């Protein structure tokens, strides 16, 4: 029986309640692991907001932070198993964009090729 007092969609969206979370997760899926890489990939995010978002994501067990060079204050970020499970969500958002919101001149063949690349990035079969 479904519990009408629980909204799994609302509760899941509460976890991902910050604007940059999905962008950062997508960056990690693409191989980015450092603060400066996230900043370069998302130039409109401020350093402060990026730092706060990374801290929140770590607190929510979406990512891990590993210090790789204490002398130069270098850290690397990686998705946790919980974060990795968002791959299908990220792909579905990307697919929705290309199929419903993409107002550029991509033809169907180009869209399918782009989505194929994203299927590979997000490891969606």
C-alpha atoms as a PDB file:
ATOM      1  CA  UNK A   1       0.000   0.000   0.000  1.00  0.00           C
ATOM      2  CA  UNK A   2       1.253   3.487  -0.834  1.00  0.00           C
ATOM      3  CA  UNK A   3       1.736   5.843   2.097  1.00  0.00           C
ATOM      4  CA  UNK A   4       0.093   9.106   0.990  1.00  0.00           C
ATOM      5  CA  UNK A   5       2.069  11.008   3.640  1.00  0.00           C
ATOM      6  CA  UNK A   6       5.351  10.261   1.864  1.00  0.00           C
ATOM      7  CA  UNK A   7       6.245  11.923  -1.415  1.00  0.00           C
ATOM      8  CA  UNK A   8       9.342  10.203  -2.788  1.00  0.00           C
ATOM      9  CA  UNK A   9       9.738  12.834  -5.508  1.00  0.00           C
ATOM     10  CA  UNK A  10       9.546  15.754  -3.097  1.00  0.00           C
ATOM     11  CA  UNK A  11      11.856  14.073  -0.622  1.00  0.00           C
ATOM     12  CA  UNK A  12      14.394  13.287  -3.343  1.00  0.00           C
ATOM     13  CA  UNK A  13      14.237  16.828  -4.687  1.00  0.00           C
ATOM     14  CA  UNK A  14      14.884  18.081  -1.146  1.00  0.00           C
ATOM     15  CA  UNK A  15      18.227  16.250  -1.273  1.00  0.00           C
ATOM     16  CA  UNK A  16      19.129  17.913  -4.576  1.00  0.00           C
ATOM     17  CA  UNK A  17      17.829  21.312  -3.468  1.00  0.00           C
ATOM     18  CA  UNK A  18      20.760  23.418  -4.654  1.00  0.00           C
ATOM     19  CA  UNK A  19      21.117  24.761  -8.155  1.00  0.00           C
ATOM     20  CA  UNK A  20      24.634  23.491  -8.877  1.00  0.00           C
ATOM     21  CA  UNK A  21      24.485  19.922  -7.530  1.00  0.00           C
ATOM     22  CA  UNK A  22      23.558  18.227 -10.803  1.00  0.00           C
ATOM     23  CA  UNK A  23      26.102  20.300 -12.746  1.00  0.00           C
ATOM     24  CA  UNK A  24      28.880  19.311 -10.336  1.00  0.00           C
ATOM     25  CA  UNK A  25      27.811  15.668 -10.419  1.00  0.00           C
ATOM     26  CA  UNK A  26      27.833  15.781 -14.215  1.00  0.00           C
ATOM     27  CA  UNK A  27      31.330  17.286 -14.107  1.00  0.00           C
ATOM     28  CA  UNK A  28      32.526  14.400 -11.925  1.00  0.00           C
ATOM     29  CA  UNK A  29      30.981  11.848 -14.286  1.00  0.00           C
ATOM     30  CA  UNK A  30      33.026  13.530 -17.047  1.00  0.00           C
ATOM     31  CA  UNK A  31      36.247  13.053 -15.074  1.00  0.00           C
ATOM     32  CA  UNK A  32      36.628  16.384 -13.305  1.00  0.00           C
ATOM     33  CA  UNK A  33      37.779  16.034  -9.698  1.00  0.00           C
ATOM     34  CA  UNK A  34      39.137  19.413  -8.565  1.00  0.00           C
ATOM     35  CA  UNK A  35      37.556  22.655  -7.346  1.00  0.00           C
ATOM     36  CA  UNK A  36      39.158  24.690 -10.153  1.00  0.00           C
ATOM     37  CA  UNK A  37      37.830  22.286 -12.797  1.00  0.00           C
ATOM     38  CA  UNK A  38      34.292  22.705 -11.432  1.00  0.00           C
ATOM     39  CA  UNK A  39      34.762  26.472 -11.412  1.00  0.00           C
ATOM     40  CA  UNK A  40      36.041  26.493 -14.999  1.00  0.00           C
ATOM     41  CA  UNK A  41      33.158  24.275 -16.182  1.00  0.00           C
ATOM     42  CA  UNK A  42      30.598  26.450 -14.365  1.00  0.00           C
ATOM     43  CA  UNK A  43      32.031  29.994 -14.593  1.00  0.00           C
ATOM     44  CA  UNK A  44      28.946  31.772 -13.244  1.00  0.00           C
ATOM     45  CA  UNK A  45      29.147  30.036  -9.856  1.00  0.00           C
ATOM     46  CA  UNK A  46      31.005  32.013  -7.201  1.00  0.00           C
ATOM     47  CA  UNK A  47      33.845  30.405  -5.273  1.00  0.00           C
ATOM     48  CA  UNK A  48      31.827  30.753  -2.080  1.00  0.00           C
ATOM     49  CA  UNK A  49      28.729  29.034  -3.490  1.00  0.00           C
ATOM     50  CA  UNK A  50      30.855  26.286  -5.053  1.00  0.00           C
ATOM     51  CA  UNK A  51      32.610  25.636  -1.738  1.00  0.00           C
ATOM     52  CA  UNK A  52      29.279  25.592   0.133  1.00  0.00           C
ATOM     53  CA  UNK A  53      27.721  23.259  -2.437  1.00  0.00           C
ATOM     54  CA  UNK A  54      30.654  20.826  -2.295  1.00  0.00           C
ATOM     55  CA  UNK A  55      30.470  20.823   1.506  1.00  0.00           C
ATOM     56  CA  UNK A  56      26.710  20.154   1.391  1.00  0.00           C
ATOM     57  CA  UNK A  57      27.192  17.344  -1.120  1.00  0.00           C
ATOM     58  CA  UNK A  58      29.801  15.773   1.148  1.00  0.00           C
ATOM     59  CA  UNK A  59      27.480  16.076   4.165  1.00  0.00           C
ATOM     60  CA  UNK A  60      24.719  14.377   2.159  1.00  0.00           C
ATOM     61  CA  UNK A  61      27.065  11.509   1.208  1.00  0.00           C
ATOM     62  CA  UNK A  62      26.885  12.321  -2.516  1.00  0.00           C
ATOM     63  CA  UNK A  63      30.637  12.923  -2.824  1.00  0.00           C
ATOM     64  CA  UNK A  64      33.851  12.264  -0.954  1.00  0.00           C
ATOM     65  CA  UNK A  65      36.682  14.713  -0.526  1.00  0.00           C
ATOM     66  CA  UNK A  66      40.255  13.436  -0.381  1.00  0.00           C
ATOM     67  CA  UNK A  67      43.262  15.629   0.404  1.00  0.00           C
ATOM     68  CA  UNK A  68      45.963  14.624  -2.088  1.00  0.00           C
ATOM     69  CA  UNK A  69      48.521  17.337  -1.313  1.00  0.00           C
ATOM     70  CA  UNK A  70      48.360  19.066   2.063  1.00  0.00           C
ATOM     71  CA  UNK A  71      51.222  21.434   1.230  1.00  0.00           C
ATOM     72  CA  UNK A  72      49.386  22.900  -1.760  1.00  0.00           C
ATOM     73  CA  UNK A  73      45.897  22.327  -0.345  1.00  0.00           C
ATOM     74  CA  UNK A  74      44.907  20.035  -3.272  1.00  0.00           C
ATOM     75  CA  UNK A  75      41.814  17.942  -2.890  1.00  0.00           C
ATOM     76  CA  UNK A  76      39.937  15.584  -5.143  1.00  0.00           C
ATOM     77  CA  UNK A  77      36.244  14.897  -5.177  1.00  0.00           C
ATOM     78  CA  UNK A  78      34.561  11.651  -6.184  1.00  0.00           C
ATOM     79  CA  UNK A  79      31.005  10.390  -6.257  1.00  0.00           C
ATOM     80  CA  UNK A  80      29.956   7.978  -3.540  1.00  0.00           C
ATOM     81  CA  UNK A  81      27.793   4.965  -4.384  1.00  0.00           C
ATOM     82  CA  UNK A  82      24.803   7.138  -3.458  1.00  0.00           C
ATOM     83  CA  UNK A  83      26.000   9.848  -5.850  1.00  0.00           C
ATOM     84  CA  UNK A  84      26.743   7.363  -8.614  1.00  0.00           C
ATOM     85  CA  UNK A  85      23.140   6.128  -8.447  1.00  0.00           C
ATOM     86  CA  UNK A  86      22.004   9.533  -9.719  1.00  0.00           C
ATOM     87  CA  UNK A  87      23.359   8.627 -13.171  1.00  0.00           C
ATOM     88  CA  UNK A  88      19.901   7.792 -14.500  1.00  0.00           C
ATOM     89  CA  UNK A  89      18.452  11.048 -13.158  1.00  0.00           C
ATOM     90  CA  UNK A  90      21.215  13.054 -14.846  1.00  0.00           C
ATOM     91  CA  UNK A  91      20.687  11.222 -18.107  1.00  0.00           C
ATOM     92  CA  UNK A  92      16.900  11.686 -18.006  1.00  0.00           C
ATOM     93  CA  UNK A  93      17.323  15.432 -17.404  1.00  0.00           C
ATOM     94  CA  UNK A  94      19.768  15.615 -20.317  1.00  0.00           C
ATOM     95  CA  UNK A  95      17.436  13.623 -22.562  1.00  0.00           C
ATOM     96  CA  UNK A  96      14.483  15.818 -21.585  1.00  0.00           C
ATOM     97  CA  UNK A  97      16.521  18.900 -22.439  1.00  0.00           C
ATOM     98  CA  UNK A  98      17.467  17.669 -25.905  1.00  0.00           C
ATOM     99  CA  UNK A  99      14.029  16.287 -26.698  1.00  0.00           C
ATOM    100  CA  UNK A 100      11.790  18.955 -25.142  1.00  0.00           C
ATOM    101  CA  UNK A 101      13.732  22.153 -24.363  1.00  0.00           C
ATOM    102  CA  UNK A 102      16.490  22.243 -26.928  1.00  0.00           C
ATOM    103  CA  UNK A 103      15.600  25.063 -29.278  1.00  0.00           C
ATOM    104  CA  UNK A 104      18.794  24.899 -31.331  1.00  0.00           C
ATOM    105  CA  UNK A 105      19.163  23.530 -34.811  1.00  0.00           C
ATOM    106  CA  UNK A 106      20.154  19.973 -33.910  1.00  0.00           C
ATOM    107  CA  UNK A 107      18.444  17.491 -36.133  1.00  0.00           C
ATOM    108  CA  UNK A 108      17.185  14.154 -34.807  1.00  0.00           C
ATOM    109  CA  UNK A 109      20.341  12.351 -35.854  1.00  0.00           C
ATOM    110  CA  UNK A 110      22.577  14.854 -34.054  1.00  0.00           C
ATOM    111  CA  UNK A 111      20.441  14.668 -30.925  1.00  0.00           C
ATOM    112  CA  UNK A 112      20.663  10.871 -30.917  1.00  0.00           C
ATOM    113  CA  UNK A 113      24.437  11.072 -31.325  1.00  0.00           C
ATOM    114  CA  UNK A 114      24.709  13.546 -28.441  1.00  0.00           C
ATOM    115  CA  UNK A 115      22.468  11.412 -26.250  1.00  0.00           C
ATOM    116  CA  UNK A 116      24.592   8.372 -27.077  1.00  0.00           C
ATOM    117  CA  UNK A 117      27.602  10.232 -25.707  1.00  0.00           C
ATOM    118  CA  UNK A 118      25.699  11.100 -22.543  1.00  0.00           C
ATOM    119  CA  UNK A 119      24.523   7.489 -22.165  1.00  0.00           C
ATOM    120  CA  UNK A 120      28.191   6.523 -22.158  1.00  0.00           C
ATOM    121  CA  UNK A 121      29.198   9.282 -19.701  1.00  0.00           C
ATOM    122  CA  UNK A 122      26.409   8.355 -17.272  1.00  0.00           C
ATOM    123  CA  UNK A 123      26.790   4.617 -17.930  1.00  0.00           C
ATOM    124  CA  UNK A 124      23.118   4.207 -18.790  1.00  0.00           C
ATOM    125  CA  UNK A 125      22.146   1.120 -20.743  1.00  0.00           C
END
